[in-house]
Amino acid sequence: MTTYQSSAILKELKNLIAFTCRNRLSRPELVDSFHRALLKKYFNAGEVVVNHQKQEIFMTLPVNDGKGFIPINLEVGNLEGFFKSCIEEDLRSLAFYQNMLGYYTIIAEAS
């Protein structure tokens, strides 16, 4: 992946995060799915529940080399900023984001 492609992917991902945080009510199931996928990727989480109204995130995170999970509850305050802080720039993450962008852009345009 070239630097241009990488920066374009990251820019579009940040734009999608901003859009979904500001327009959640138009397609809440799609937005929730996108946000969960982003957090599951970053934290390697099991379960993820995002409460947009309360700005809270509940997750189960792996412990003991993935043999168990521990529940955590985060009071975030700014979900958009939190989601953007979870963006990684390695090649594997960029490929994941590129796939997400394709999927969620197609689904959003179809609705």
N, C-alpha and C. Protein backbone atom coordinates (compact mmCIF):
# COMPACT_ATOMS: atom_id res chain seq x y z
N MET A 1 0.84 -1.17 0.00
CA MET A 1 0.00 0.00 0.00
C MET A 1 0.89 1.24 0.00
N THR A 2 0.61 2.17 -0.86
CA THR A 2 1.42 3.38 -0.91
C THR A 2 1.00 4.34 0.20
N THR A 3 1.85 5.33 0.44
CA THR A 3 1.54 6.34 1.45
C THR A 3 0.26 7.07 1.09
N TYR A 4 0.08 7.35 -0.22
CA TYR A 4 -1.13 8.04 -0.66
C TYR A 4 -2.36 7.21 -0.32
N GLN A 5 -2.32 5.93 -0.65
CA GLN A 5 -3.45 5.07 -0.35
C GLN A 5 -3.69 5.01 1.15
N SER A 6 -2.63 4.89 1.92
CA SER A 6 -2.76 4.83 3.37
C SER A 6 -3.41 6.09 3.90
N SER A 7 -2.94 7.25 3.46
CA SER A 7 -3.52 8.50 3.97
C SER A 7 -4.96 8.67 3.51
N ALA A 8 -5.27 8.21 2.30
CA ALA A 8 -6.65 8.30 1.81
C ALA A 8 -7.57 7.39 2.61
N ILE A 9 -7.11 6.19 2.92
CA ILE A 9 -7.91 5.26 3.74
C ILE A 9 -8.15 5.86 5.12
N LEU A 10 -7.11 6.38 5.75
CA LEU A 10 -7.25 6.96 7.09
C LEU A 10 -8.18 8.17 7.08
N LYS A 11 -8.05 9.00 6.06
CA LYS A 11 -8.92 10.18 5.95
C LYS A 11 -10.38 9.76 5.80
N GLU A 12 -10.64 8.81 4.91
CA GLU A 12 -12.01 8.35 4.69
C GLU A 12 -12.58 7.65 5.93
N LEU A 13 -11.74 6.91 6.63
CA LEU A 13 -12.20 6.26 7.86
C LEU A 13 -12.59 7.30 8.90
N LYS A 14 -11.77 8.32 9.06
CA LYS A 14 -12.09 9.40 10.00
C LYS A 14 -13.36 10.12 9.59
N ASN A 15 -13.55 10.32 8.29
CA ASN A 15 -14.78 10.95 7.79
C ASN A 15 -16.00 10.08 8.10
N LEU A 16 -15.84 8.77 7.91
CA LEU A 16 -16.95 7.86 8.19
C LEU A 16 -17.27 7.83 9.68
N ILE A 17 -16.26 7.85 10.51
CA ILE A 17 -16.49 7.89 11.96
C ILE A 17 -17.26 9.16 12.31
N ALA A 18 -16.81 10.31 11.81
CA ALA A 18 -17.49 11.57 12.09
C ALA A 18 -18.94 11.52 11.60
N PHE A 19 -19.14 11.03 10.38
CA PHE A 19 -20.49 10.96 9.82
C PHE A 19 -21.39 10.06 10.65
N THR A 20 -20.89 8.89 11.03
CA THR A 20 -21.74 7.95 11.78
C THR A 20 -22.03 8.44 13.19
N CYS A 21 -21.12 9.17 13.78
CA CYS A 21 -21.38 9.70 15.12
C CYS A 21 -22.41 10.82 15.08
N ARG A 22 -22.45 11.55 14.00
CA ARG A 22 -23.38 12.69 13.88
C ARG A 22 -24.71 12.32 13.27
N ASN A 23 -24.78 11.19 12.58
CA ASN A 23 -26.00 10.80 11.86
C ASN A 23 -26.45 9.40 12.25
N ARG A 24 -26.29 9.03 13.49
CA ARG A 24 -26.57 7.68 13.94
C ARG A 24 -28.03 7.29 13.74
N LEU A 25 -28.95 8.20 13.93
CA LEU A 25 -30.37 7.86 13.92
C LEU A 25 -30.90 7.48 12.55
N SER A 26 -30.18 7.84 11.48
CA SER A 26 -30.65 7.48 10.15
C SER A 26 -30.54 5.97 9.90
N ARG A 27 -29.53 5.33 10.43
CA ARG A 27 -29.33 3.88 10.30
C ARG A 27 -28.64 3.34 11.54
N PRO A 28 -29.32 3.31 12.70
CA PRO A 28 -28.63 2.94 13.95
C PRO A 28 -28.01 1.55 13.93
N GLU A 29 -28.64 0.58 13.29
CA GLU A 29 -28.07 -0.77 13.28
C GLU A 29 -26.77 -0.82 12.48
N LEU A 30 -26.71 -0.06 11.41
CA LEU A 30 -25.50 0.01 10.59
C LEU A 30 -24.38 0.74 11.34
N VAL A 31 -24.73 1.84 11.97
CA VAL A 31 -23.75 2.62 12.74
C VAL A 31 -23.21 1.79 13.89
N ASP A 32 -24.09 1.13 14.62
CA ASP A 32 -23.66 0.31 15.76
C ASP A 32 -22.73 -0.81 15.31
N SER A 33 -23.05 -1.43 14.18
CA SER A 33 -22.21 -2.50 13.64
C SER A 33 -20.82 -1.97 13.29
N PHE A 34 -20.76 -0.82 12.67
CA PHE A 34 -19.49 -0.20 12.29
C PHE A 34 -18.65 0.11 13.54
N HIS A 35 -19.27 0.74 14.52
CA HIS A 35 -18.54 1.11 15.74
C HIS A 35 -18.06 -0.13 16.50
N ARG A 36 -18.90 -1.16 16.58
CA ARG A 36 -18.48 -2.40 17.25
C ARG A 36 -17.30 -3.03 16.53
N ALA A 37 -17.35 -3.09 15.21
CA ALA A 37 -16.25 -3.70 14.44
C ALA A 37 -14.94 -2.96 14.67
N LEU A 38 -15.01 -1.64 14.70
CA LEU A 38 -13.81 -0.84 14.93
C LEU A 38 -13.20 -1.13 16.31
N LEU A 39 -14.05 -1.20 17.33
CA LEU A 39 -13.56 -1.46 18.69
C LEU A 39 -13.10 -2.90 18.87
N LYS A 40 -13.81 -3.85 18.27
CA LYS A 40 -13.39 -5.25 18.37
C LYS A 40 -12.01 -5.43 17.74
N LYS A 41 -11.77 -4.77 16.63
CA LYS A 41 -10.46 -4.86 15.97
C LYS A 41 -9.37 -4.28 16.87
N TYR A 42 -9.59 -3.10 17.40
CA TYR A 42 -8.56 -2.41 18.16
C TYR A 42 -8.27 -3.11 19.49
N PHE A 43 -9.31 -3.51 20.21
CA PHE A 43 -9.14 -4.09 21.54
C PHE A 43 -9.12 -5.61 21.55
N ASN A 44 -9.39 -6.24 20.39
CA ASN A 44 -9.56 -7.69 20.33
C ASN A 44 -10.65 -8.12 21.31
N ALA A 45 -11.69 -7.32 21.39
CA ALA A 45 -12.77 -7.51 22.35
C ALA A 45 -13.71 -8.63 21.92
N GLY A 46 -14.35 -9.22 22.90
CA GLY A 46 -15.38 -10.21 22.64
C GLY A 46 -16.69 -9.50 22.35
N GLU A 47 -17.36 -9.09 23.39
CA GLU A 47 -18.62 -8.37 23.27
C GLU A 47 -18.35 -6.87 23.33
N VAL A 48 -19.08 -6.11 22.53
CA VAL A 48 -18.98 -4.65 22.56
C VAL A 48 -20.39 -4.07 22.46
N VAL A 49 -20.73 -3.19 23.40
CA VAL A 49 -22.00 -2.47 23.38
C VAL A 49 -21.69 -1.00 23.54
N VAL A 50 -22.17 -0.18 22.60
CA VAL A 50 -21.94 1.26 22.66
C VAL A 50 -23.27 1.93 22.99
N ASN A 51 -23.29 2.71 24.06
CA ASN A 51 -24.45 3.50 24.43
C ASN A 51 -24.17 4.94 24.01
N HIS A 52 -24.72 5.31 22.86
CA HIS A 52 -24.44 6.63 22.31
C HIS A 52 -25.03 7.75 23.16
N GLN A 53 -26.18 7.52 23.74
CA GLN A 53 -26.80 8.56 24.57
C GLN A 53 -25.96 8.89 25.79
N LYS A 54 -25.48 7.87 26.48
CA LYS A 54 -24.70 8.06 27.71
C LYS A 54 -23.21 8.22 27.44
N GLN A 55 -22.80 8.06 26.17
CA GLN A 55 -21.38 8.14 25.81
C GLN A 55 -20.56 7.10 26.58
N GLU A 56 -21.09 5.87 26.64
CA GLU A 56 -20.44 4.78 27.37
C GLU A 56 -20.21 3.60 26.44
N ILE A 57 -19.18 2.83 26.77
CA ILE A 57 -18.87 1.61 26.03
C ILE A 57 -18.66 0.49 27.03
N PHE A 58 -19.36 -0.62 26.80
CA PHE A 58 -19.15 -1.84 27.57
C PHE A 58 -18.45 -2.83 26.66
N MET A 59 -17.37 -3.44 27.16
CA MET A 59 -16.64 -4.44 26.38
C MET A 59 -16.19 -5.58 27.28
N THR A 60 -16.00 -6.72 26.67
CA THR A 60 -15.29 -7.80 27.35
C THR A 60 -13.94 -7.94 26.64
N LEU A 61 -12.88 -7.84 27.45
CA LEU A 61 -11.52 -7.89 26.91
C LEU A 61 -10.83 -9.19 27.27
N PRO A 62 -10.01 -9.71 26.38
CA PRO A 62 -9.34 -10.99 26.63
C PRO A 62 -8.27 -10.87 27.73
N VAL A 63 -8.19 -11.91 28.54
CA VAL A 63 -7.15 -12.04 29.57
C VAL A 63 -6.59 -13.46 29.51
N ASN A 64 -5.46 -13.67 30.14
CA ASN A 64 -4.83 -15.00 30.19
C ASN A 64 -4.65 -15.58 28.80
N ASP A 65 -4.02 -14.80 27.93
CA ASP A 65 -3.75 -15.25 26.55
C ASP A 65 -5.01 -15.66 25.82
N GLY A 66 -6.11 -14.93 26.04
CA GLY A 66 -7.35 -15.20 25.33
C GLY A 66 -8.18 -16.33 25.91
N LYS A 67 -7.81 -16.85 27.05
CA LYS A 67 -8.54 -17.98 27.65
C LYS A 67 -9.76 -17.53 28.44
N GLY A 68 -9.88 -16.25 28.64
CA GLY A 68 -11.02 -15.71 29.36
C GLY A 68 -11.22 -14.26 29.00
N PHE A 69 -12.31 -13.69 29.49
CA PHE A 69 -12.63 -12.29 29.21
C PHE A 69 -12.99 -11.58 30.50
N ILE A 70 -12.67 -10.30 30.57
CA ILE A 70 -13.02 -9.47 31.72
C ILE A 70 -13.89 -8.32 31.21
N PRO A 71 -15.01 -8.07 31.90
CA PRO A 71 -15.88 -6.97 31.46
C PRO A 71 -15.35 -5.62 31.93
N ILE A 72 -15.45 -4.63 31.07
CA ILE A 72 -15.11 -3.26 31.47
C ILE A 72 -16.18 -2.31 30.94
N ASN A 73 -16.37 -1.22 31.64
CA ASN A 73 -17.30 -0.19 31.22
C ASN A 73 -16.54 1.13 31.17
N LEU A 74 -16.56 1.79 30.02
CA LEU A 74 -15.85 3.05 29.85
C LEU A 74 -16.85 4.20 29.69
N GLU A 75 -16.66 5.25 30.46
CA GLU A 75 -17.41 6.48 30.25
C GLU A 75 -16.52 7.37 29.40
N VAL A 76 -16.89 7.54 28.15
CA VAL A 76 -15.99 8.16 27.18
C VAL A 76 -16.15 9.68 27.12
N GLY A 77 -17.35 10.17 27.00
CA GLY A 77 -17.57 11.61 26.91
C GLY A 77 -17.56 12.12 25.48
N ASN A 78 -16.69 11.59 24.63
CA ASN A 78 -16.60 12.00 23.22
C ASN A 78 -16.36 10.75 22.39
N LEU A 79 -17.43 10.12 21.95
CA LEU A 79 -17.29 8.86 21.21
C LEU A 79 -16.51 9.05 19.91
N GLU A 80 -16.78 10.12 19.19
CA GLU A 80 -16.09 10.34 17.92
C GLU A 80 -14.58 10.40 18.13
N GLY A 81 -14.14 11.17 19.10
CA GLY A 81 -12.71 11.26 19.40
C GLY A 81 -12.14 9.93 19.86
N PHE A 82 -12.92 9.20 20.65
CA PHE A 82 -12.46 7.90 21.13
C PHE A 82 -12.29 6.92 19.97
N PHE A 83 -13.29 6.86 19.08
CA PHE A 83 -13.19 5.96 17.93
C PHE A 83 -11.98 6.32 17.07
N LYS A 84 -11.77 7.61 16.85
CA LYS A 84 -10.63 8.04 16.03
C LYS A 84 -9.30 7.69 16.70
N SER A 85 -9.28 7.69 18.02
CA SER A 85 -8.03 7.33 18.72
C SER A 85 -7.71 5.84 18.62
N CYS A 86 -8.67 5.06 18.18
CA CYS A 86 -8.48 3.61 18.04
C CYS A 86 -7.96 3.22 16.66
N ILE A 87 -7.70 4.17 15.82
CA ILE A 87 -7.21 3.90 14.46
C ILE A 87 -5.72 3.57 14.51
N GLU A 88 -5.37 2.46 13.90
CA GLU A 88 -3.97 2.04 13.80
C GLU A 88 -3.52 2.16 12.34
N GLU A 89 -2.23 2.32 12.12
CA GLU A 89 -1.74 2.59 10.77
C GLU A 89 -0.88 1.46 10.18
N ASP A 90 -0.89 0.29 10.80
CA ASP A 90 -0.13 -0.83 10.23
C ASP A 90 -0.87 -1.39 9.02
N LEU A 91 -0.17 -2.16 8.20
CA LEU A 91 -0.74 -2.67 6.95
C LEU A 91 -1.97 -3.54 7.17
N ARG A 92 -1.95 -4.36 8.19
CA ARG A 92 -3.09 -5.24 8.47
C ARG A 92 -4.33 -4.41 8.83
N SER A 93 -4.14 -3.38 9.64
CA SER A 93 -5.26 -2.50 10.01
C SER A 93 -5.77 -1.73 8.80
N LEU A 94 -4.86 -1.24 7.98
CA LEU A 94 -5.27 -0.49 6.79
C LEU A 94 -6.09 -1.35 5.85
N ALA A 95 -5.72 -2.61 5.69
CA ALA A 95 -6.49 -3.52 4.85
C ALA A 95 -7.88 -3.74 5.45
N PHE A 96 -7.94 -3.90 6.76
CA PHE A 96 -9.22 -4.05 7.46
C PHE A 96 -10.09 -2.82 7.25
N TYR A 97 -9.51 -1.64 7.41
CA TYR A 97 -10.27 -0.39 7.24
C TYR A 97 -10.76 -0.23 5.80
N GLN A 98 -9.92 -0.61 4.85
CA GLN A 98 -10.31 -0.50 3.45
C GLN A 98 -11.52 -1.39 3.18
N ASN A 99 -11.53 -2.59 3.72
CA ASN A 99 -12.68 -3.47 3.57
C ASN A 99 -13.92 -2.89 4.24
N MET A 100 -13.72 -2.33 5.45
CA MET A 100 -14.85 -1.71 6.16
C MET A 100 -15.42 -0.55 5.36
N LEU A 101 -14.55 0.28 4.82
CA LEU A 101 -15.01 1.43 4.04
C LEU A 101 -15.84 0.98 2.84
N GLY A 102 -15.37 -0.05 2.15
CA GLY A 102 -16.13 -0.56 1.02
C GLY A 102 -17.48 -1.09 1.43
N TYR A 103 -17.51 -1.85 2.50
CA TYR A 103 -18.76 -2.45 2.96
C TYR A 103 -19.75 -1.40 3.44
N TYR A 104 -19.31 -0.53 4.35
CA TYR A 104 -20.24 0.43 4.95
C TYR A 104 -20.63 1.54 3.98
N THR A 105 -19.78 1.87 3.03
CA THR A 105 -20.15 2.86 2.03
C THR A 105 -21.22 2.30 1.10
N ILE A 106 -21.07 1.05 0.68
CA ILE A 106 -22.06 0.42 -0.18
C ILE A 106 -23.40 0.29 0.54
N ILE A 107 -23.38 -0.16 1.78
CA ILE A 107 -24.61 -0.33 2.55
C ILE A 107 -25.28 1.02 2.78
N ALA A 108 -24.50 2.03 3.14
CA ALA A 108 -25.08 3.37 3.40
C ALA A 108 -25.69 3.96 2.13
N GLU A 109 -25.05 3.75 0.99
CA GLU A 109 -25.58 4.29 -0.26
C GLU A 109 -26.84 3.56 -0.69
N ALA A 110 -26.96 2.29 -0.34
CA ALA A 110 -28.13 1.50 -0.72
C ALA A 110 -29.37 1.86 0.10
N SER A 111 -29.17 2.50 1.23
CA SER A 111 -30.32 2.81 2.08
C SER A 111 -30.95 4.15 1.74
